[in-house]
Amino acid sequence: MEALKRLKEKRFREILFIGLAALLLLAAAYFVFIGNAGAETERTDGVREMSDEESRLCSILSRIEGVGAVEVYINEDEEGNARSAVIVFEGADSLSVRMDVMRAAAGALGISQKDVLIYKMTT
């Protein structure tokens, strides 16, 4: 009778150990494969997804007259502060539109206008 009780306790500890190990493995897999929600993600076509700040800046810039389609990349430091921005848009051949975009982006991001790089979008 005592041997049966010890066998049941041993089996319970083994099952408990295996269950805890499985939970730890699942948690590790979650953090490795899913847990980097704040990191840049890549789509299957190799294009990086825009951050919320980049999306908001695109929305603002696209409302400026003459801009047209726009894409933005913001380079951030370790603390998440903008260091520079690359902006590509359709209307970049107009100097006045380029200047408007440069001023708006620099103001929105709190960076110098010299840190905003502007390029014409290919069609």
Protein backbone atom coordinates (compact mmCIF):
# COMPACT_ATOMS: atom_id res chain seq x y z
CA MET A 1 0.00 0.00 0.00
CA GLU A 2 2.83 2.40 0.94
CA ALA A 3 4.69 1.54 -2.27
CA LEU A 4 1.59 2.39 -4.34
CA LYS A 5 1.27 5.75 -2.58
CA ARG A 6 4.96 6.58 -3.28
CA LEU A 7 4.51 5.53 -6.91
CA LYS A 8 1.52 7.86 -7.29
CA GLU A 9 3.43 10.74 -5.68
CA LYS A 10 6.39 10.11 -7.97
CA ARG A 11 4.13 10.02 -11.05
CA PHE A 12 2.41 13.25 -9.91
CA ARG A 13 5.79 15.01 -9.53
CA GLU A 14 6.86 13.79 -12.97
CA ILE A 15 3.65 15.05 -14.58
CA LEU A 16 3.94 18.36 -12.73
CA PHE A 17 7.57 18.75 -13.85
CA ILE A 18 6.68 17.99 -17.48
CA GLY A 19 3.77 20.44 -17.35
CA LEU A 20 5.96 23.23 -15.97
CA ALA A 21 8.66 22.52 -18.54
CA ALA A 22 6.04 22.70 -21.32
CA LEU A 23 4.77 26.05 -20.00
CA LEU A 24 8.29 27.46 -19.89
CA LEU A 25 8.92 26.25 -23.43
CA LEU A 26 5.69 27.88 -24.64
CA ALA A 27 6.56 31.15 -22.90
CA ALA A 28 10.05 31.15 -24.43
CA ALA A 29 8.62 30.46 -27.89
CA TYR A 30 6.11 33.29 -27.47
CA PHE A 31 8.79 35.83 -26.57
CA VAL A 32 11.09 34.70 -29.37
CA PHE A 33 8.51 34.57 -32.17
CA ILE A 34 5.66 36.86 -31.11
CA GLY A 35 6.80 38.99 -28.17
CA ASN A 36 8.73 41.60 -30.21
CA ALA A 37 5.63 43.65 -30.90
CA GLY A 38 7.55 46.94 -30.66
CA ALA A 39 10.23 45.86 -33.10
CA GLU A 40 10.10 46.48 -36.80
CA THR A 41 8.27 43.73 -38.64
CA GLU A 42 8.75 42.62 -42.19
CA ARG A 43 6.01 41.58 -44.50
CA THR A 44 6.41 38.53 -46.70
CA ASP A 45 7.39 40.76 -49.64
CA GLY A 46 10.39 42.09 -47.66
CA VAL A 47 8.93 45.57 -47.07
CA ARG A 48 9.21 46.90 -43.52
CA GLU A 49 5.92 47.82 -41.84
CA MET A 50 5.57 51.50 -40.88
CA SER A 51 5.51 52.46 -37.22
CA ASP A 52 2.57 54.43 -35.82
CA GLU A 53 4.66 57.62 -35.88
CA GLU A 54 5.61 57.05 -39.52
CA SER A 55 1.96 56.41 -40.42
CA ARG A 56 0.83 59.59 -38.67
CA LEU A 57 3.53 61.63 -40.40
CA CYS A 58 2.51 60.17 -43.79
CA SER A 59 -1.07 61.13 -43.08
CA ILE A 60 -0.09 64.71 -42.22
CA LEU A 61 2.29 65.14 -45.16
CA SER A 62 -0.14 63.69 -47.70
CA ARG A 63 -2.55 66.55 -46.86
CA ILE A 64 -0.05 69.17 -48.00
CA GLU A 65 -0.98 70.48 -51.43
CA GLY A 66 1.14 68.94 -54.19
CA VAL A 67 2.61 66.07 -52.15
CA GLY A 68 0.62 63.13 -53.54
CA ALA A 69 1.63 59.64 -52.42
CA VAL A 70 4.19 59.65 -49.61
CA GLU A 71 6.32 57.15 -47.70
CA VAL A 72 8.31 57.93 -44.55
CA TYR A 73 11.12 56.23 -42.66
CA ILE A 74 12.10 57.61 -39.25
CA ASN A 75 15.53 56.77 -37.83
CA GLU A 76 15.31 56.67 -34.03
CA ASP A 77 17.91 56.50 -31.27
CA GLU A 78 17.86 53.90 -28.48
CA GLU A 79 15.33 55.93 -26.48
CA GLY A 80 12.90 56.12 -29.39
CA ASN A 81 13.57 59.78 -30.25
CA ALA A 82 13.70 60.72 -33.92
CA ARG A 83 17.20 61.41 -35.23
CA SER A 84 16.42 61.79 -38.93
CA ALA A 85 13.74 61.07 -41.50
CA VAL A 86 13.69 59.93 -45.10
CA ILE A 87 10.65 61.07 -47.04
CA VAL A 88 9.79 59.94 -50.55
CA PHE A 89 6.82 61.51 -52.31
CA GLU A 90 5.39 62.15 -55.76
CA GLY A 91 5.49 65.96 -55.73
CA ALA A 92 9.16 66.26 -54.75
CA ASP A 93 10.11 67.96 -58.04
CA SER A 94 8.48 71.19 -56.79
CA LEU A 95 10.89 73.18 -54.61
CA SER A 96 8.10 74.89 -52.65
CA VAL A 97 6.42 71.54 -51.88
CA ARG A 98 9.79 70.08 -50.84
CA MET A 99 10.32 72.98 -48.44
CA ASP A 100 6.80 72.63 -47.01
CA VAL A 101 7.34 68.91 -46.42
CA MET A 102 10.77 69.50 -44.87
CA ARG A 103 9.43 72.11 -42.44
CA ALA A 104 6.36 70.04 -41.54
CA ALA A 105 8.35 66.85 -40.93
CA ALA A 106 11.06 68.61 -38.90
CA GLY A 107 8.43 70.33 -36.78
CA ALA A 108 6.39 67.17 -36.23
CA LEU A 109 9.43 65.11 -35.27
CA GLY A 110 11.28 67.79 -33.33
CA ILE A 111 14.42 67.49 -35.47
CA SER A 112 16.43 69.91 -37.57
CA GLN A 113 15.42 70.47 -41.20
CA LYS A 114 18.90 69.31 -42.26
CA ASP A 115 18.02 65.89 -40.79
CA VAL A 116 15.07 65.47 -43.18
CA LEU A 117 16.05 63.82 -46.46
CA ILE A 118 13.60 64.21 -49.35
CA TYR A 119 13.44 62.23 -52.58
CA LYS A 120 11.11 62.03 -55.55
CA MET A 121 9.02 58.88 -55.71
CA THR A 122 9.34 56.75 -58.83
CA THR A 123 6.16 56.10 -60.74
